Amino acid sequence: MRATGIGSWPGSSAREAVRTVRDLLLDGDGVGLPFLPETPGRGPGSEMVGRAAGMLVDLAVDLQPSGWRLVDRPGRDAARTAALLREDLDELAEAYDGYTGPLKVQVCGPWTLAATLELTRGERVVTDPGAAADLAASLVEGVAAHVADVRRLVPGAEVVLQVDEPALPAVLEGSLPTASGYGRVRSVDPQVVAGTLRDALAGHDGPTVLHSCHPRAPLPLLRSTGAGALALDLTAASPTRWESVAATLEAGTGLYAGVLATDGSTSDTTAVRTVLEGLERAGLATADAHGLVVTPACGLAGLTPEGARTVLRTALDTARRLVEEVGP
């Protein structure tokens, strides 16, 4: 039983974010799972999409008024994004000097990236199957290089890769607006979606987590990708949703249970009850909670730094209470 964060963190200081997360999660009892936080408060290039776009290999990006766009050659925005990531890694190396153990890193997934990045003509990358495939392959290569950098800087780390796909339901449902705003982008075949995610996760030779906090995130498809664990928003999950969670656990896929609201309103008592009652409604024993990781429902960048610290402390307290209830 462990506790961690999803990824994003408030504030505009990479050093403060990295050290705060480290101090909270490495408190000596082994419950916390540390992670490299994202700090979108630093501006473009530090947020999820810009950060991943900066990792792409042989594909250049630039920031336009409408958002990030693929371009012929990198410019100032790409250089800024690279500098922000280098700063994060420098802070990580200093803060985790001598550390051994699991260390989670997060990256925007290929479909959310394709749904957000624009082609040179202004349409979303997801509208062009060939471009989407090239983007996914480039991202796999870039993420592998990023993981290699983390391992070089923190040699004792077991890198856990979390792939974030908040836009996945929109890609599958065909609900993304076109560039004109008058139409909708055609939905992508679920088999194509699953295959691309499978390749993205298979590119990492360590533990993997597939995160989608959308309430309609399709669990059967997510399970089929081979992810080691799924990270889900379960704060208001229905009995039917918990039944699908049960199928996930029974299939041998781990669970990052997002049972803490990102506004800081959830107590550890409520979170523990959510987990135990959810498992009970799904017909599972409390022992099935073994190995579960407690998380907020999503990132915490919208809170104050103190608010984010409170949520993470509550996640730790929830995990400790679950250990008392069902064992580690």
Foldseek 3Di string as FASTA:
>chain_A
DAAEAFAEAADQDQLVVQQLQCCLQPVPPPRRAAEQHQYCVNDALSDQLNLLQLLFDPWEWDADPQGIETDDDHDDSSVVNVVVLVNSLVSNLVNQPPPAEEYEYEHEALVQNQLGYAYPVGWGNLLPVVSSVSRLVRSLVSVLVVVVSNCVSNVRYQYEYEYEDQCVVCQQVQPRATRVRPHTRDHDDLVVVLVSLLVSVVSDPGAYEYEYADLVPDLVSVLSSVHQAYEYEQCPDDLVRLLSVVVSLVVNRAYAYQNAELQLPDALVSSLCSVCVSCVSNVHHLLSCPPYYYYHSHHNRVDDNVSVSSRSNRSSVNSVVSCVVHND
